[in-house]
Amino acid sequence: MTNPHDGITVGSVTRRYSMLRRGWLSPDGQVIKNPLKAQRIAEHLNSKKVAA
């Protein structure tokens, strides 16, 4: 992430930033405003994909 509004990529999981909602979108439609929380969720989803 080089820009504060970039998407967050962890492994094969990418969280896209929404300019309209001012946050990162999760698969269930939730908007995450905290970049550290968005990264932590992406890491958790990536570990689920790797384990499955």
PDB file of N, CA and C in Angstrom:
ATOM      1  N   MET A   1       0.841  -1.164   0.000  1.00  0.00           N
ATOM      2  CA  MET A   1       0.000   0.000   0.000  1.00  0.00           C
ATOM      3  C   MET A   1       0.896   1.240   0.000  1.00  0.00           C
ATOM      4  N   THR A   2       0.870   1.982  -1.072  1.00  0.00           N
ATOM      5  CA  THR A   2       1.686   3.188  -1.158  1.00  0.00           C
ATOM      6  C   THR A   2       0.853   4.448  -0.964  1.00  0.00           C
ATOM      7  N   ASN A   3      -0.418   4.350  -1.192  1.00  0.00           N
ATOM      8  CA  ASN A   3      -1.336   5.473  -1.062  1.00  0.00           C
ATOM      9  C   ASN A   3      -2.385   5.096  -0.012  1.00  0.00           C
ATOM     10  N   PRO A   4      -2.844   6.017   0.828  1.00  0.00           N
ATOM     11  CA  PRO A   4      -3.827   5.665   1.849  1.00  0.00           C
ATOM     12  C   PRO A   4      -5.132   5.097   1.297  1.00  0.00           C
ATOM     13  N   HIS A   5      -5.411   5.319   0.019  1.00  0.00           N
ATOM     14  CA  HIS A   5      -6.653   4.825  -0.564  1.00  0.00           C
ATOM     15  C   HIS A   5      -6.437   3.644  -1.497  1.00  0.00           C
ATOM     16  N   ASP A   6      -5.313   2.973  -1.396  1.00  0.00           N
ATOM     17  CA  ASP A   6      -5.050   1.786  -2.199  1.00  0.00           C
ATOM     18  C   ASP A   6      -5.806   0.597  -1.628  1.00  0.00           C
ATOM     19  N   GLY A   7      -5.971  -0.414  -2.460  1.00  0.00           N
ATOM     20  CA  GLY A   7      -6.526  -1.660  -1.984  1.00  0.00           C
ATOM     21  C   GLY A   7      -5.507  -2.374  -1.111  1.00  0.00           C
ATOM     22  N   ILE A   8      -5.987  -3.239  -0.242  1.00  0.00           N
ATOM     23  CA  ILE A   8      -5.112  -4.008   0.639  1.00  0.00           C
ATOM     24  C   ILE A   8      -5.068  -5.429   0.108  1.00  0.00           C
ATOM     25  N   THR A   9      -3.864  -5.918  -0.222  1.00  0.00           N
ATOM     26  CA  THR A   9      -3.695  -7.268  -0.748  1.00  0.00           C
ATOM     27  C   THR A   9      -2.850  -8.087   0.208  1.00  0.00           C
ATOM     28  N   VAL A  10      -3.373  -9.257   0.585  1.00  0.00           N
ATOM     29  CA  VAL A  10      -2.649 -10.212   1.421  1.00  0.00           C
ATOM     30  C   VAL A  10      -2.799 -11.563   0.735  1.00  0.00           C
ATOM     31  N   GLY A  11      -1.697 -12.077   0.213  1.00  0.00           N
ATOM     32  CA  GLY A  11      -1.762 -13.341  -0.513  1.00  0.00           C
ATOM     33  C   GLY A  11      -2.647 -13.189  -1.734  1.00  0.00           C
ATOM     34  N   SER A  12      -3.723 -13.970  -1.797  1.00  0.00           N
ATOM     35  CA  SER A  12      -4.646 -13.890  -2.928  1.00  0.00           C
ATOM     36  C   SER A  12      -5.907 -13.103  -2.593  1.00  0.00           C
ATOM     37  N   VAL A  13      -5.966 -12.512  -1.409  1.00  0.00           N
ATOM     38  CA  VAL A  13      -7.139 -11.754  -0.968  1.00  0.00           C
ATOM     39  C   VAL A  13      -6.861 -10.260  -1.125  1.00  0.00           C
ATOM     40  N   THR A  14      -7.785  -9.547  -1.776  1.00  0.00           N
ATOM     41  CA  THR A  14      -7.646  -8.110  -1.960  1.00  0.00           C
ATOM     42  C   THR A  14      -8.893  -7.413  -1.442  1.00  0.00           C
ATOM     43  N   ARG A  15      -8.684  -6.417  -0.610  1.00  0.00           N
ATOM     44  CA  ARG A  15      -9.780  -5.566  -0.126  1.00  0.00           C
ATOM     45  C   ARG A  15      -9.705  -4.277  -0.927  1.00  0.00           C
ATOM     46  N   ARG A  16     -10.746  -3.942  -1.628  1.00  0.00           N
ATOM     47  CA  ARG A  16     -10.794  -2.735  -2.455  1.00  0.00           C
ATOM     48  C   ARG A  16     -11.279  -1.549  -1.635  1.00  0.00           C
ATOM     49  N   TYR A  17     -10.703  -0.391  -1.908  1.00  0.00           N
ATOM     50  CA  TYR A  17     -11.107   0.836  -1.227  1.00  0.00           C
ATOM     51  C   TYR A  17     -12.241   1.476  -2.000  1.00  0.00           C
ATOM     52  N   SER A  18     -13.286   1.888  -1.293  1.00  0.00           N
ATOM     53  CA  SER A  18     -14.420   2.569  -1.899  1.00  0.00           C
ATOM     54  C   SER A  18     -14.333   4.055  -1.587  1.00  0.00           C
ATOM     55  N   MET A  19     -14.199   4.877  -2.615  1.00  0.00           N
ATOM     56  CA  MET A  19     -14.163   6.323  -2.418  1.00  0.00           C
ATOM     57  C   MET A  19     -15.524   6.842  -1.954  1.00  0.00           C
ATOM     58  N   LEU A  20     -16.606   6.219  -2.405  1.00  0.00           N
ATOM     59  CA  LEU A  20     -17.942   6.668  -2.019  1.00  0.00           C
ATOM     60  C   LEU A  20     -18.229   6.403  -0.547  1.00  0.00           C
ATOM     61  N   ARG A  21     -17.822   5.234  -0.074  1.00  0.00           N
ATOM     62  CA  ARG A  21     -18.095   4.856   1.317  1.00  0.00           C
ATOM     63  C   ARG A  21     -16.930   5.160   2.251  1.00  0.00           C
ATOM     64  N   ARG A  22     -15.807   5.589   1.674  1.00  0.00           N
ATOM     65  CA  ARG A  22     -14.605   5.947   2.432  1.00  0.00           C
ATOM     66  C   ARG A  22     -14.140   4.835   3.358  1.00  0.00           C
ATOM     67  N   GLY A  23     -13.955   3.663   2.780  1.00  0.00           N
ATOM     68  CA  GLY A  23     -13.461   2.533   3.548  1.00  0.00           C
ATOM     69  C   GLY A  23     -13.230   1.335   2.643  1.00  0.00           C
ATOM     70  N   TRP A  24     -12.725   0.262   3.220  1.00  0.00           N
ATOM     71  CA  TRP A  24     -12.453  -0.954   2.477  1.00  0.00           C
ATOM     72  C   TRP A  24     -13.668  -1.863   2.563  1.00  0.00           C
ATOM     73  N   LEU A  25     -14.012  -2.477   1.445  1.00  0.00           N
ATOM     74  CA  LEU A  25     -15.196  -3.322   1.376  1.00  0.00           C
ATOM     75  C   LEU A  25     -14.850  -4.763   1.700  1.00  0.00           C
ATOM     76  N   SER A  26     -15.677  -5.381   2.532  1.00  0.00           N
ATOM     77  CA  SER A  26     -15.503  -6.792   2.838  1.00  0.00           C
ATOM     78  C   SER A  26     -16.511  -7.584   2.002  1.00  0.00           C
ATOM     79  N   PRO A  27     -16.335  -8.896   1.875  1.00  0.00           N
ATOM     80  CA  PRO A  27     -17.223  -9.693   1.027  1.00  0.00           C
ATOM     81  C   PRO A  27     -18.694  -9.647   1.455  1.00  0.00           C
ATOM     82  N   ASP A  28     -18.956  -9.440   2.738  1.00  0.00           N
ATOM     83  CA  ASP A  28     -20.346  -9.402   3.199  1.00  0.00           C
ATOM     84  C   ASP A  28     -20.972  -8.021   3.069  1.00  0.00           C
ATOM     85  N   GLY A  29     -20.266  -7.057   2.450  1.00  0.00           N
ATOM     86  CA  GLY A  29     -20.789  -5.724   2.218  1.00  0.00           C
ATOM     87  C   GLY A  29     -20.478  -4.725   3.317  1.00  0.00           C
ATOM     88  N   GLN A  30     -19.782  -5.161   4.345  1.00  0.00           N
ATOM     89  CA  GLN A  30     -19.408  -4.274   5.443  1.00  0.00           C
ATOM     90  C   GLN A  30     -18.301  -3.332   4.983  1.00  0.00           C
ATOM     91  N   VAL A  31     -18.327  -2.096   5.464  1.00  0.00           N
ATOM     92  CA  VAL A  31     -17.294  -1.106   5.149  1.00  0.00           C
ATOM     93  C   VAL A  31     -16.394  -0.969   6.367  1.00  0.00           C
ATOM     94  N   ILE A  32     -15.099  -1.161   6.157  1.00  0.00           N
ATOM     95  CA  ILE A  32     -14.122  -1.091   7.238  1.00  0.00           C
ATOM     96  C   ILE A  32     -13.321   0.188   7.056  1.00  0.00           C
ATOM     97  N   LYS A  33     -13.399   1.080   8.015  1.00  0.00           N
ATOM     98  CA  LYS A  33     -12.728   2.382   7.912  1.00  0.00           C
ATOM     99  C   LYS A  33     -11.287   2.336   8.420  1.00  0.00           C
ATOM    100  N   ASN A  34     -10.962   1.413   9.294  1.00  0.00           N
ATOM    101  CA  ASN A  34      -9.632   1.318   9.886  1.00  0.00           C
ATOM    102  C   ASN A  34      -8.741   0.438   8.997  1.00  0.00           C
ATOM    103  N   PRO A  35      -7.639   0.969   8.446  1.00  0.00           N
ATOM    104  CA  PRO A  35      -6.795   0.171   7.549  1.00  0.00           C
ATOM    105  C   PRO A  35      -6.139  -1.023   8.240  1.00  0.00           C
ATOM    106  N   LEU A  36      -5.810  -0.899   9.518  1.00  0.00           N
ATOM    107  CA  LEU A  36      -5.204  -2.032  10.226  1.00  0.00           C
ATOM    108  C   LEU A  36      -6.205  -3.168  10.413  1.00  0.00           C
ATOM    109  N   LYS A  37      -7.440  -2.824  10.704  1.00  0.00           N
ATOM    110  CA  LYS A  37      -8.483  -3.837  10.845  1.00  0.00           C
ATOM    111  C   LYS A  37      -8.766  -4.498   9.498  1.00  0.00           C
ATOM    112  N   ALA A  38      -8.775  -3.718   8.423  1.00  0.00           N
ATOM    113  CA  ALA A  38      -9.001  -4.270   7.088  1.00  0.00           C
ATOM    114  C   ALA A  38      -7.882  -5.242   6.714  1.00  0.00           C
ATOM    115  N   GLN A  39      -6.655  -4.902   7.063  1.00  0.00           N
ATOM    116  CA  GLN A  39      -5.539  -5.801   6.778  1.00  0.00           C
ATOM    117  C   GLN A  39      -5.637  -7.073   7.606  1.00  0.00           C
ATOM    118  N   ARG A  40      -5.998  -6.943   8.880  1.00  0.00           N
ATOM    119  CA  ARG A  40      -6.129  -8.111   9.745  1.00  0.00           C
ATOM    120  C   ARG A  40      -7.213  -9.062   9.228  1.00  0.00           C
ATOM    121  N   ILE A  41      -8.324  -8.517   8.754  1.00  0.00           N
ATOM    122  CA  ILE A  41      -9.394  -9.352   8.197  1.00  0.00           C
ATOM    123  C   ILE A  41      -8.926 -10.024   6.910  1.00  0.00           C
ATOM    124  N   ALA A  42      -8.178  -9.300   6.063  1.00  0.00           N
ATOM    125  CA  ALA A  42      -7.642  -9.885   4.836  1.00  0.00           C
ATOM    126  C   ALA A  42      -6.676 -11.019   5.156  1.00  0.00           C
ATOM    127  N   GLU A  43      -5.842 -10.851   6.185  1.00  0.00           N
ATOM    128  CA  GLU A  43      -4.926 -11.918   6.589  1.00  0.00           C
ATOM    129  C   GLU A  43      -5.696 -13.135   7.079  1.00  0.00           C
ATOM    130  N   HIS A  44      -6.756 -12.908   7.825  1.00  0.00           N
ATOM    131  CA  HIS A  44      -7.580 -14.016   8.330  1.00  0.00           C
ATOM    132  C   HIS A  44      -8.242 -14.767   7.167  1.00  0.00           C
ATOM    133  N   LEU A  45      -8.797 -14.031   6.200  1.00  0.00           N
ATOM    134  CA  LEU A  45      -9.424 -14.668   5.042  1.00  0.00           C
ATOM    135  C   LEU A  45      -8.400 -15.425   4.201  1.00  0.00           C
ATOM    136  N   ASN A  46      -7.194 -14.872   4.084  1.00  0.00           N
ATOM    137  CA  ASN A  46      -6.145 -15.541   3.320  1.00  0.00           C
ATOM    138  C   ASN A  46      -5.732 -16.843   3.999  1.00  0.00           C
ATOM    139  N   SER A  47      -5.646 -16.834   5.330  1.00  0.00           N
ATOM    140  CA  SER A  47      -5.260 -18.061   6.037  1.00  0.00           C
ATOM    141  C   SER A  47      -6.350 -19.128   5.899  1.00  0.00           C
ATOM    142  N   LYS A  48      -7.610 -18.716   5.804  1.00  0.00           N
ATOM    143  CA  LYS A  48      -8.699 -19.674   5.571  1.00  0.00           C
ATOM    144  C   LYS A  48      -8.581 -20.291   4.195  1.00  0.00           C
ATOM    145  N   LYS A  49      -8.238 -19.460   3.165  1.00  0.00           N
ATOM    146  CA  LYS A  49      -8.105 -19.964   1.802  1.00  0.00           C
ATOM    147  C   LYS A  49      -6.935 -20.939   1.695  1.00  0.00           C
ATOM    148  N   VAL A  50      -5.844 -20.630   2.368  1.00  0.00           N
ATOM    149  CA  VAL A  50      -4.650 -21.474   2.296  1.00  0.00           C
ATOM    150  C   VAL A  50      -4.924 -22.816   2.979  1.00  0.00           C
ATOM    151  N   ALA A  51      -5.656 -22.789   4.086  1.00  0.00           N
ATOM    152  CA  ALA A  51      -5.938 -24.009   4.835  1.00  0.00           C
ATOM    153  C   ALA A  51      -6.961 -24.896   4.114  1.00  0.00           C
ATOM    154  N   ALA A  52      -7.838 -24.303   3.339  1.00  0.00           N
ATOM    155  CA  ALA A  52      -8.918 -25.080   2.687  1.00  0.00           C
ATOM    156  C   ALA A  52      -8.457 -25.798   1.448  1.00  0.00           C
TER     157      ALA A  52
END
